[in-house]
N, C-alpha and C. Protein backbone atom coordinates (compact mmCIF):
# COMPACT_ATOMS: atom_id res chain seq x y z
N MET A 1 228.80 38.84 141.08
CA MET A 1 227.66 38.97 140.18
C MET A 1 228.12 38.79 138.73
N SER A 2 227.47 37.89 138.01
CA SER A 2 227.86 37.63 136.63
C SER A 2 227.32 38.72 135.71
N GLN A 3 227.94 38.83 134.53
CA GLN A 3 227.46 39.78 133.54
C GLN A 3 226.10 39.36 133.03
N GLN A 4 225.29 40.36 132.71
CA GLN A 4 224.01 40.10 132.08
C GLN A 4 223.84 41.04 130.90
N PHE A 5 223.46 40.48 129.76
CA PHE A 5 223.19 41.27 128.58
C PHE A 5 221.71 41.14 128.25
N GLU A 6 221.06 42.28 128.13
CA GLU A 6 219.64 42.32 127.85
C GLU A 6 219.44 42.49 126.34
N ILE A 7 218.79 41.51 125.73
CA ILE A 7 218.45 41.56 124.31
C ILE A 7 216.99 41.96 124.23
N GLU A 8 216.71 43.14 123.68
CA GLU A 8 215.35 43.67 123.74
C GLU A 8 214.95 44.26 122.40
N LEU A 9 213.76 43.84 121.95
CA LEU A 9 213.16 44.38 120.73
C LEU A 9 211.84 45.03 121.11
N ARG A 10 211.54 46.13 120.43
CA ARG A 10 210.32 46.88 120.76
C ARG A 10 209.55 47.23 119.49
N GLY A 11 208.27 47.50 119.66
CA GLY A 11 207.48 47.95 118.54
C GLY A 11 206.18 48.58 119.01
N LEU A 12 205.63 49.44 118.18
CA LEU A 12 204.39 50.14 118.50
C LEU A 12 203.19 49.22 118.33
N LEU A 13 202.18 49.39 119.17
CA LEU A 13 200.93 48.64 119.06
C LEU A 13 199.76 49.62 119.00
N SER A 14 198.80 49.33 118.13
CA SER A 14 197.54 50.06 118.18
C SER A 14 196.73 49.54 119.37
N LYS A 15 195.66 50.23 119.71
CA LYS A 15 194.81 49.76 120.81
C LYS A 15 194.26 48.37 120.49
N ASP A 16 193.83 48.16 119.24
CA ASP A 16 193.30 46.85 118.85
C ASP A 16 194.39 45.78 118.94
N GLN A 17 195.59 46.08 118.47
CA GLN A 17 196.68 45.12 118.55
C GLN A 17 197.02 44.79 120.00
N PHE A 18 197.03 45.81 120.84
CA PHE A 18 197.30 45.62 122.26
C PHE A 18 196.28 44.67 122.88
N ASN A 19 195.00 44.90 122.58
CA ASN A 19 193.95 44.05 123.13
C ASN A 19 194.02 42.63 122.57
N GLN A 20 194.30 42.50 121.29
CA GLN A 20 194.39 41.18 120.68
C GLN A 20 195.57 40.39 121.25
N LEU A 21 196.69 41.06 121.42
CA LEU A 21 197.87 40.39 121.97
C LEU A 21 197.63 40.02 123.44
N SER A 22 196.96 40.88 124.17
CA SER A 22 196.61 40.56 125.56
C SER A 22 195.75 39.31 125.62
N ASP A 23 194.79 39.20 124.70
CA ASP A 23 193.92 38.03 124.67
C ASP A 23 194.71 36.77 124.31
N THR A 24 195.58 36.88 123.30
CA THR A 24 196.41 35.74 122.90
C THR A 24 197.26 35.26 124.07
N PHE A 25 197.92 36.18 124.74
CA PHE A 25 198.81 35.80 125.84
C PHE A 25 198.02 35.25 127.03
N SER A 26 196.81 35.75 127.25
CA SER A 26 196.03 35.24 128.37
C SER A 26 195.69 33.77 128.21
N HIS A 27 195.64 33.30 126.95
CA HIS A 27 195.32 31.90 126.68
C HIS A 27 196.55 31.04 126.41
N GLU A 28 197.61 31.65 125.87
CA GLU A 28 198.72 30.84 125.36
C GLU A 28 200.06 31.09 126.06
N ALA A 29 200.13 32.08 126.92
CA ALA A 29 201.39 32.42 127.58
C ALA A 29 201.27 32.25 129.08
N GLU A 30 202.40 32.27 129.75
CA GLU A 30 202.43 32.24 131.20
C GLU A 30 202.49 33.67 131.72
N PHE A 31 201.48 34.05 132.48
CA PHE A 31 201.46 35.40 133.05
C PHE A 31 202.52 35.50 134.14
N ALA A 32 203.33 36.56 134.11
CA ALA A 32 204.37 36.76 135.11
C ALA A 32 203.94 37.78 136.17
N GLN A 33 203.63 39.01 135.74
CA GLN A 33 203.23 40.04 136.69
C GLN A 33 202.74 41.28 135.96
N ASN A 34 202.03 42.12 136.69
CA ASN A 34 201.75 43.48 136.25
C ASN A 34 202.81 44.39 136.84
N LYS A 35 203.24 45.38 136.06
CA LYS A 35 204.24 46.33 136.53
C LYS A 35 203.69 47.74 136.43
N ASN A 36 203.66 48.43 137.56
CA ASN A 36 203.36 49.86 137.59
C ASN A 36 204.68 50.56 137.88
N ARG A 37 205.16 51.30 136.90
CA ARG A 37 206.52 51.83 136.97
C ARG A 37 206.55 53.35 136.85
N VAL A 38 207.37 53.95 137.69
CA VAL A 38 207.72 55.37 137.60
C VAL A 38 209.23 55.42 137.45
N LEU A 39 209.72 56.20 136.49
CA LEU A 39 211.17 56.25 136.29
C LEU A 39 211.62 57.66 135.94
N ILE A 40 212.88 57.92 136.26
CA ILE A 40 213.54 59.15 135.82
C ILE A 40 214.70 58.74 134.93
N ASP A 41 214.67 59.18 133.70
CA ASP A 41 215.74 58.93 132.72
C ASP A 41 216.65 60.15 132.71
N TYR A 42 217.83 60.01 133.28
CA TYR A 42 218.76 61.13 133.36
C TYR A 42 219.58 61.30 132.10
N SER A 43 219.73 60.26 131.30
CA SER A 43 220.66 60.30 130.17
C SER A 43 220.24 61.29 129.09
N THR A 44 218.94 61.55 128.97
CA THR A 44 218.47 62.48 127.94
C THR A 44 219.15 63.84 128.07
N PHE A 45 219.47 64.24 129.30
CA PHE A 45 220.03 65.57 129.53
C PHE A 45 221.53 65.55 129.81
N LEU A 46 222.16 64.40 129.66
CA LEU A 46 223.61 64.34 129.89
C LEU A 46 224.37 64.66 128.62
N GLU A 47 225.41 65.46 128.75
CA GLU A 47 226.22 65.83 127.60
C GLU A 47 226.80 64.57 126.94
N GLY A 48 226.64 64.49 125.63
CA GLY A 48 227.16 63.36 124.88
C GLY A 48 226.25 62.14 124.87
N GLN A 49 225.10 62.21 125.55
CA GLN A 49 224.19 61.07 125.58
C GLN A 49 222.91 61.39 124.80
N GLY A 50 221.95 62.03 125.42
CA GLY A 50 220.73 62.41 124.72
C GLY A 50 219.90 61.21 124.32
N ILE A 51 219.34 61.24 123.11
CA ILE A 51 218.49 60.15 122.63
C ILE A 51 219.24 59.31 121.61
N LYS A 52 219.59 59.88 120.49
CA LYS A 52 220.19 59.10 119.40
C LYS A 52 221.61 58.66 119.72
N GLU A 53 222.35 59.45 120.49
CA GLU A 53 223.77 59.18 120.72
C GLU A 53 224.03 58.32 121.94
N ARG A 54 223.00 57.93 122.63
CA ARG A 54 223.15 57.34 123.95
C ARG A 54 223.96 56.05 123.97
N GLN A 55 224.93 56.01 124.91
CA GLN A 55 225.70 54.80 125.18
C GLN A 55 225.60 54.40 126.66
N LYS A 56 225.09 55.31 127.49
CA LYS A 56 224.87 55.03 128.90
C LYS A 56 223.44 55.43 129.25
N ASP A 57 222.70 54.47 129.73
CA ASP A 57 221.32 54.71 130.13
C ASP A 57 221.28 54.71 131.65
N ILE A 58 221.16 55.89 132.25
CA ILE A 58 221.24 56.04 133.70
C ILE A 58 219.87 56.43 134.23
N ARG A 59 219.33 55.58 135.11
CA ARG A 59 217.97 55.80 135.57
C ARG A 59 217.80 55.48 137.04
N LEU A 60 216.79 56.10 137.62
CA LEU A 60 216.17 55.63 138.84
C LEU A 60 214.76 55.19 138.46
N ARG A 61 214.34 54.07 139.03
CA ARG A 61 212.98 53.64 138.72
C ARG A 61 212.38 52.92 139.91
N SER A 62 211.07 52.94 139.95
CA SER A 62 210.33 52.20 140.95
C SER A 62 209.33 51.32 140.23
N THR A 63 209.37 50.02 140.50
CA THR A 63 208.45 49.08 139.89
C THR A 63 207.62 48.43 140.99
N ASN A 64 206.33 48.68 140.96
CA ASN A 64 205.43 48.18 142.02
C ASN A 64 205.95 48.57 143.41
N GLY A 65 206.47 49.80 143.49
CA GLY A 65 206.93 50.32 144.77
C GLY A 65 208.33 49.92 145.16
N GLN A 66 209.04 49.17 144.31
CA GLN A 66 210.41 48.74 144.62
C GLN A 66 211.41 49.64 143.91
N PRO A 67 212.14 50.51 144.64
CA PRO A 67 213.11 51.41 144.02
C PRO A 67 214.32 50.66 143.50
N GLU A 68 214.92 51.21 142.45
CA GLU A 68 216.06 50.55 141.81
C GLU A 68 216.94 51.59 141.12
N ILE A 69 218.23 51.40 141.24
CA ILE A 69 219.20 52.13 140.44
C ILE A 69 219.55 51.24 139.26
N ILE A 70 219.48 51.77 138.05
CA ILE A 70 219.74 50.93 136.88
C ILE A 70 220.58 51.69 135.86
N VAL A 71 221.60 51.00 135.35
CA VAL A 71 222.46 51.54 134.30
C VAL A 71 222.55 50.48 133.20
N LYS A 72 222.31 50.91 131.97
CA LYS A 72 222.48 50.02 130.82
C LYS A 72 223.57 50.60 129.93
N LEU A 73 224.49 49.74 129.50
CA LEU A 73 225.65 50.17 128.73
C LEU A 73 225.55 49.66 127.30
N GLY A 74 225.72 50.58 126.35
CA GLY A 74 225.61 50.24 124.94
C GLY A 74 224.53 51.08 124.28
N SER A 75 224.52 51.08 122.96
CA SER A 75 223.55 51.89 122.23
C SER A 75 222.16 51.28 122.35
N TRP A 76 221.14 52.14 122.29
CA TRP A 76 219.77 51.67 122.37
C TRP A 76 219.06 51.97 121.07
N GLY A 77 217.90 51.33 120.89
CA GLY A 77 217.12 51.53 119.67
C GLY A 77 215.95 50.57 119.66
N GLY A 78 215.37 50.36 118.47
CA GLY A 78 214.26 49.43 118.35
C GLY A 78 214.67 48.02 118.70
N SER A 79 215.93 47.70 118.38
CA SER A 79 216.53 46.40 118.72
C SER A 79 217.88 46.68 119.36
N GLU A 80 218.11 46.10 120.55
CA GLU A 80 219.33 46.46 121.25
C GLU A 80 219.90 45.28 122.03
N GLN A 81 221.20 45.36 122.28
CA GLN A 81 221.92 44.35 123.04
C GLN A 81 222.81 45.10 124.03
N ARG A 82 222.35 45.24 125.28
CA ARG A 82 223.06 46.08 126.24
C ARG A 82 223.37 45.32 127.52
N GLU A 83 224.51 45.69 128.12
CA GLU A 83 224.80 45.16 129.44
C GLU A 83 223.96 45.92 130.46
N GLU A 84 223.36 45.18 131.38
CA GLU A 84 222.47 45.79 132.37
C GLU A 84 223.05 45.63 133.77
N LEU A 85 223.13 46.74 134.49
CA LEU A 85 223.59 46.75 135.87
C LEU A 85 222.49 47.35 136.74
N SER A 86 222.11 46.68 137.80
CA SER A 86 221.04 47.22 138.63
C SER A 86 221.23 46.85 140.09
N VAL A 87 220.74 47.73 140.95
CA VAL A 87 220.76 47.51 142.39
C VAL A 87 219.40 47.90 142.95
N LEU A 88 218.75 46.97 143.63
CA LEU A 88 217.50 47.27 144.31
C LEU A 88 217.79 47.91 145.66
N THR A 89 216.95 48.84 146.06
CA THR A 89 217.08 49.45 147.37
C THR A 89 215.80 49.19 148.16
N HIS A 90 215.80 49.59 149.42
CA HIS A 90 214.64 49.26 150.25
C HIS A 90 213.44 50.14 149.91
N LYS A 91 212.28 49.67 150.26
CA LYS A 91 211.04 50.40 150.01
C LYS A 91 211.11 51.79 150.64
N ASP A 92 210.40 52.71 150.02
CA ASP A 92 210.29 54.09 150.51
C ASP A 92 211.61 54.87 150.44
N SER A 93 212.54 54.42 149.58
CA SER A 93 213.82 55.12 149.48
C SER A 93 213.95 55.96 148.20
N PHE A 94 212.89 56.04 147.40
CA PHE A 94 213.03 56.69 146.10
C PHE A 94 213.40 58.16 146.26
N ASP A 95 212.75 58.87 147.15
CA ASP A 95 213.08 60.29 147.34
C ASP A 95 214.53 60.46 147.77
N THR A 96 215.02 59.56 148.62
CA THR A 96 216.42 59.62 149.04
C THR A 96 217.35 59.39 147.85
N LEU A 97 217.01 58.44 146.99
CA LEU A 97 217.83 58.19 145.80
C LEU A 97 217.88 59.42 144.90
N VAL A 98 216.75 60.08 144.74
CA VAL A 98 216.70 61.29 143.91
C VAL A 98 217.61 62.37 144.50
N LYS A 99 217.62 62.50 145.83
CA LYS A 99 218.49 63.47 146.49
C LYS A 99 219.97 63.10 146.33
N ILE A 100 220.27 61.81 146.43
CA ILE A 100 221.65 61.35 146.23
C ILE A 100 222.11 61.63 144.80
N PHE A 101 221.26 61.32 143.83
CA PHE A 101 221.62 61.57 142.44
C PHE A 101 221.82 63.05 142.18
N ASN A 102 221.01 63.89 142.79
CA ASN A 102 221.19 65.33 142.64
C ASN A 102 222.54 65.76 143.20
N ALA A 103 222.93 65.21 144.36
CA ALA A 103 224.22 65.55 144.96
C ALA A 103 225.38 65.10 144.07
N LEU A 104 225.16 64.05 143.27
CA LEU A 104 226.18 63.55 142.36
C LEU A 104 226.19 64.28 141.01
N GLY A 105 225.26 65.23 140.84
CA GLY A 105 225.21 66.02 139.62
C GLY A 105 224.14 65.62 138.63
N TYR A 106 223.34 64.62 138.97
CA TYR A 106 222.23 64.21 138.10
C TYR A 106 220.97 64.92 138.61
N ASN A 107 220.71 66.09 138.07
CA ASN A 107 219.64 66.93 138.62
C ASN A 107 218.49 67.19 137.67
N LYS A 108 218.55 66.62 136.46
CA LYS A 108 217.48 66.84 135.50
C LYS A 108 217.27 65.57 134.70
N GLY A 109 216.00 65.19 134.55
CA GLY A 109 215.72 63.97 133.81
C GLY A 109 214.32 63.99 133.23
N VAL A 110 214.00 62.93 132.51
CA VAL A 110 212.67 62.76 131.95
C VAL A 110 211.90 61.83 132.88
N LEU A 111 210.77 62.30 133.37
CA LEU A 111 209.92 61.53 134.28
C LEU A 111 208.85 60.81 133.47
N CYS A 112 208.79 59.49 133.64
CA CYS A 112 207.88 58.66 132.84
C CYS A 112 207.05 57.77 133.76
N VAL A 113 205.82 57.51 133.33
CA VAL A 113 204.94 56.56 134.00
C VAL A 113 204.54 55.52 132.98
N ARG A 114 204.69 54.24 133.34
CA ARG A 114 204.35 53.14 132.43
C ARG A 114 203.64 52.04 133.21
N ASN A 115 202.62 51.46 132.59
CA ASN A 115 201.92 50.31 133.14
C ASN A 115 202.04 49.16 132.16
N SER A 116 202.39 47.99 132.65
CA SER A 116 202.60 46.88 131.73
C SER A 116 202.14 45.56 132.34
N ALA A 117 201.84 44.63 131.45
CA ALA A 117 201.57 43.24 131.83
C ALA A 117 202.67 42.39 131.19
N VAL A 118 203.28 41.53 132.00
CA VAL A 118 204.44 40.76 131.55
C VAL A 118 204.07 39.29 131.44
N TYR A 119 204.47 38.69 130.31
CA TYR A 119 204.18 37.29 130.04
C TYR A 119 205.45 36.58 129.56
N ASN A 120 205.50 35.28 129.79
CA ASN A 120 206.53 34.44 129.19
C ASN A 120 205.89 33.63 128.08
N TYR A 121 206.41 33.82 126.87
CA TYR A 121 205.81 33.18 125.70
C TYR A 121 206.91 32.63 124.80
N ASP A 122 206.90 31.34 124.61
CA ASP A 122 207.83 30.69 123.68
C ASP A 122 209.29 31.07 123.97
N GLY A 123 209.64 31.12 125.24
CA GLY A 123 211.02 31.40 125.63
C GLY A 123 211.40 32.86 125.65
N VAL A 124 210.43 33.75 125.44
CA VAL A 124 210.69 35.19 125.41
C VAL A 124 209.81 35.89 126.44
N GLU A 125 210.37 36.86 127.14
CA GLU A 125 209.57 37.69 128.05
C GLU A 125 208.98 38.86 127.27
N PHE A 126 207.66 38.94 127.26
CA PHE A 126 206.97 40.04 126.59
C PHE A 126 206.33 40.95 127.63
N ALA A 127 206.53 42.25 127.47
CA ALA A 127 205.82 43.24 128.26
C ALA A 127 204.92 44.02 127.32
N LEU A 128 203.63 44.03 127.62
CA LEU A 128 202.67 44.85 126.87
C LEU A 128 202.49 46.13 127.66
N VAL A 129 202.96 47.23 127.10
CA VAL A 129 203.13 48.47 127.86
C VAL A 129 202.11 49.53 127.43
N GLU A 130 201.50 50.13 128.43
CA GLU A 130 200.61 51.27 128.20
C GLU A 130 201.29 52.54 128.69
N VAL A 131 201.35 53.54 127.82
CA VAL A 131 201.73 54.89 128.24
C VAL A 131 200.41 55.58 128.55
N PRO A 132 200.09 55.80 129.83
CA PRO A 132 198.75 56.25 130.19
C PRO A 132 198.29 57.47 129.40
N GLY A 133 197.12 57.33 128.80
CA GLY A 133 196.52 58.42 128.04
C GLY A 133 197.17 58.71 126.71
N HIS A 134 198.07 57.83 126.25
CA HIS A 134 198.80 58.16 125.03
C HIS A 134 198.89 57.02 124.02
N SER A 135 199.56 55.93 124.33
CA SER A 135 199.85 54.91 123.32
C SER A 135 200.24 53.60 123.97
N TYR A 136 200.53 52.62 123.10
CA TYR A 136 200.89 51.27 123.55
C TYR A 136 202.09 50.77 122.75
N TYR A 137 202.89 49.93 123.39
CA TYR A 137 203.98 49.27 122.67
C TYR A 137 204.31 47.95 123.36
N PHE A 138 205.14 47.15 122.71
CA PHE A 138 205.59 45.91 123.34
C PHE A 138 207.11 45.93 123.49
N GLU A 139 207.58 45.17 124.46
CA GLU A 139 209.00 44.89 124.63
C GLU A 139 209.15 43.38 124.68
N ALA A 140 210.03 42.84 123.86
CA ALA A 140 210.30 41.40 123.84
C ALA A 140 211.75 41.20 124.23
N GLU A 141 212.00 40.40 125.24
CA GLU A 141 213.33 40.39 125.87
C GLU A 141 213.83 38.98 126.19
N LYS A 142 215.12 38.80 126.02
CA LYS A 142 215.85 37.67 126.56
C LYS A 142 217.08 38.22 127.25
N VAL A 143 217.52 37.54 128.31
CA VAL A 143 218.73 37.92 129.02
C VAL A 143 219.73 36.78 128.89
N VAL A 144 220.95 37.11 128.47
CA VAL A 144 222.01 36.11 128.33
C VAL A 144 223.21 36.55 129.14
N SER A 145 224.12 35.61 129.36
CA SER A 145 225.24 35.88 130.28
C SER A 145 226.59 36.04 129.59
N SER A 146 226.61 35.98 128.25
CA SER A 146 227.90 36.15 127.56
C SER A 146 227.70 36.84 126.22
N GLU A 147 228.75 37.49 125.76
CA GLU A 147 228.74 38.19 124.47
C GLU A 147 228.40 37.24 123.33
N SER A 148 228.90 36.01 123.42
CA SER A 148 228.74 35.06 122.32
C SER A 148 227.29 34.64 122.10
N GLU A 149 226.45 34.83 123.09
CA GLU A 149 225.05 34.42 123.00
C GLU A 149 224.14 35.50 122.43
N LYS A 150 224.63 36.72 122.31
CA LYS A 150 223.74 37.84 122.01
C LYS A 150 223.08 37.76 120.64
N ASP A 151 223.83 37.45 119.61
CA ASP A 151 223.27 37.44 118.26
C ASP A 151 222.20 36.37 118.09
N LYS A 152 222.46 35.18 118.63
CA LYS A 152 221.46 34.11 118.53
C LYS A 152 220.19 34.48 119.29
N ALA A 153 220.37 35.07 120.47
CA ALA A 153 219.21 35.47 121.26
C ALA A 153 218.39 36.51 120.52
N ARG A 154 219.07 37.44 119.88
CA ARG A 154 218.36 38.47 119.11
C ARG A 154 217.56 37.83 117.98
N ASP A 155 218.15 36.87 117.28
CA ASP A 155 217.45 36.18 116.19
C ASP A 155 216.26 35.39 116.72
N ASP A 156 216.43 34.76 117.88
CA ASP A 156 215.33 33.99 118.47
C ASP A 156 214.15 34.89 118.83
N VAL A 157 214.44 36.03 119.43
CA VAL A 157 213.37 36.96 119.81
C VAL A 157 212.68 37.51 118.57
N ALA A 158 213.46 37.87 117.56
CA ALA A 158 212.87 38.39 116.31
C ALA A 158 211.97 37.36 115.65
N ALA A 159 212.36 36.10 115.71
CA ALA A 159 211.55 35.04 115.09
C ALA A 159 210.21 34.90 115.80
N VAL A 160 210.20 34.97 117.12
CA VAL A 160 208.94 34.87 117.87
C VAL A 160 208.05 36.07 117.55
N CYS A 161 208.64 37.27 117.48
CA CYS A 161 207.87 38.47 117.12
C CYS A 161 207.26 38.31 115.73
N ALA A 162 208.02 37.77 114.79
CA ALA A 162 207.53 37.59 113.42
C ALA A 162 206.35 36.62 113.40
N ARG A 163 206.43 35.54 114.18
CA ARG A 163 205.32 34.59 114.23
C ARG A 163 204.05 35.22 114.78
N LEU A 164 204.23 36.19 115.65
CA LEU A 164 203.06 36.90 116.22
C LEU A 164 202.60 38.05 115.34
N GLY A 165 203.30 38.30 114.23
CA GLY A 165 202.92 39.38 113.33
C GLY A 165 203.26 40.76 113.85
N LEU A 166 204.28 40.85 114.70
CA LEU A 166 204.64 42.12 115.32
C LEU A 166 205.74 42.81 114.52
N SER A 167 205.61 44.12 114.35
CA SER A 167 206.61 44.92 113.65
C SER A 167 207.55 45.54 114.67
N ILE A 168 208.84 45.39 114.43
CA ILE A 168 209.86 45.91 115.33
C ILE A 168 210.29 47.30 114.88
N PHE A 169 210.43 48.22 115.83
CA PHE A 169 210.92 49.56 115.51
C PHE A 169 212.28 49.47 114.81
N SER A 170 212.47 50.26 113.77
CA SER A 170 213.83 50.58 113.35
C SER A 170 214.37 51.58 114.36
N ASP A 171 215.69 51.80 114.36
CA ASP A 171 216.25 52.77 115.29
C ASP A 171 215.64 54.15 115.09
N VAL A 172 215.47 54.56 113.84
CA VAL A 172 214.91 55.89 113.57
C VAL A 172 213.47 55.97 114.08
N GLU A 173 212.68 54.93 113.85
CA GLU A 173 211.30 54.92 114.35
C GLU A 173 211.27 54.98 115.87
N PHE A 174 212.18 54.26 116.50
CA PHE A 174 212.23 54.27 117.96
C PHE A 174 212.59 55.65 118.49
N TYR A 175 213.62 56.28 117.93
CA TYR A 175 214.02 57.61 118.38
C TYR A 175 212.88 58.62 118.19
N ASN A 176 212.19 58.53 117.06
CA ASN A 176 211.07 59.43 116.81
C ASN A 176 209.95 59.22 117.82
N TYR A 177 209.72 57.95 118.19
CA TYR A 177 208.67 57.66 119.18
C TYR A 177 209.06 58.22 120.55
N ILE A 178 210.33 58.06 120.93
CA ILE A 178 210.78 58.62 122.21
C ILE A 178 210.63 60.14 122.21
N GLU A 179 210.98 60.78 121.12
CA GLU A 179 210.84 62.23 121.04
C GLU A 179 209.36 62.63 121.14
N GLN A 180 208.48 61.84 120.51
CA GLN A 180 207.05 62.12 120.60
C GLN A 180 206.55 61.95 122.04
N LEU A 181 206.98 60.90 122.72
CA LEU A 181 206.58 60.70 124.12
C LEU A 181 207.08 61.84 124.99
N ASN A 182 208.31 62.29 124.75
CA ASN A 182 208.85 63.37 125.56
C ASN A 182 208.06 64.67 125.37
N LYS A 183 207.50 64.86 124.19
CA LYS A 183 206.70 66.06 123.93
C LYS A 183 205.27 65.93 124.45
N GLU A 184 204.71 64.72 124.39
CA GLU A 184 203.27 64.56 124.59
C GLU A 184 202.86 63.81 125.85
N ALA A 185 203.76 63.00 126.41
CA ALA A 185 203.34 62.14 127.53
C ALA A 185 204.25 62.24 128.75
N ASN A 186 205.54 62.38 128.55
CA ASN A 186 206.49 62.43 129.65
C ASN A 186 206.61 63.85 130.20
N GLU A 187 207.29 63.98 131.32
CA GLU A 187 207.55 65.28 131.93
C GLU A 187 209.05 65.49 132.07
N VAL A 188 209.45 66.74 132.17
CA VAL A 188 210.82 67.06 132.56
C VAL A 188 210.84 67.24 134.07
N PHE A 189 211.71 66.48 134.73
CA PHE A 189 211.89 66.63 136.17
C PHE A 189 213.19 67.39 136.42
N ASP A 190 213.05 68.55 137.03
CA ASP A 190 214.19 69.40 137.37
C ASP A 190 214.24 69.50 138.89
N PHE A 191 215.26 68.90 139.49
CA PHE A 191 215.34 68.84 140.95
C PHE A 191 215.18 70.21 141.60
N ALA A 192 215.89 71.19 141.08
CA ALA A 192 215.88 72.53 141.70
C ALA A 192 214.49 73.15 141.68
N LYS A 193 213.72 72.88 140.64
CA LYS A 193 212.39 73.50 140.48
C LYS A 193 211.27 72.65 141.07
N ASP A 194 211.41 71.33 140.98
CA ASP A 194 210.27 70.46 141.25
C ASP A 194 210.32 69.73 142.58
N PHE A 195 211.51 69.47 143.09
CA PHE A 195 211.59 68.59 144.25
C PHE A 195 211.32 69.32 145.55
N SER A 196 210.54 68.68 146.39
CA SER A 196 210.39 69.07 147.79
C SER A 196 210.42 67.78 148.61
N GLU A 197 210.64 67.89 149.88
CA GLU A 197 210.81 66.70 150.71
C GLU A 197 209.59 65.77 150.59
N GLY A 198 209.85 64.51 150.26
CA GLY A 198 208.77 63.54 150.13
C GLY A 198 207.97 63.66 148.85
N TYR A 199 208.53 64.33 147.82
CA TYR A 199 207.79 64.59 146.58
C TYR A 199 207.24 63.32 145.95
N PHE A 200 208.09 62.33 145.74
CA PHE A 200 207.67 61.12 145.04
C PHE A 200 206.80 60.23 145.94
N LYS A 201 207.05 60.27 147.22
CA LYS A 201 206.19 59.54 148.15
C LYS A 201 204.78 60.10 148.13
N LYS A 202 204.68 61.41 148.14
CA LYS A 202 203.36 62.04 148.13
C LYS A 202 202.65 61.88 146.80
N ARG A 203 203.38 62.01 145.72
CA ARG A 203 202.76 61.99 144.38
C ARG A 203 202.47 60.58 143.88
N PHE A 204 203.42 59.66 144.10
CA PHE A 204 203.28 58.32 143.52
C PHE A 204 203.25 57.19 144.55
N SER A 205 203.35 57.53 145.83
CA SER A 205 203.38 56.52 146.90
C SER A 205 204.53 55.54 146.73
N ILE A 206 205.70 56.07 146.35
CA ILE A 206 206.89 55.23 146.20
C ILE A 206 208.02 55.74 147.09
């Protein structure tokens, strides 16, 4: 498996901006898919990681019912260049993955639900993301296979965002938004307190 580096820029959208961008992409972009995602972010509670200091992003996630183990290496923020490692597992295995992670010492995380529509526009993958009942944001992404390509890819993505009139989070703005989501929209998942057999299958059908 070759290396993959994910170049990703993010920014907040108002409801009007979200709707306008959805309309623009419906006419001018190639629709890829809708994503209904449930994820557990374990890094928030790992010593030395947290939010601002994070260098390892360790997660379990399910996208449209497909479970996945995912690790991203490198600092994160409004604009980031991280190595991405992921392994898909078979359907209906999410509860088993949560039990395995607990046995490995990953027993507390941030539980998030996200709904998004993904488009390919001008060489960039855009996800228009809804945090149910809370807010909207975009993710603009390119994936490259070598370190030498990262800076150019970042500039290319930023240029497309600028043409669309999109504002990219600064790192501080991004961290503040994550902290706000953790207070107002996300949940804390504590295996010892919350998990019972088939918990995620029963709650989210994953």
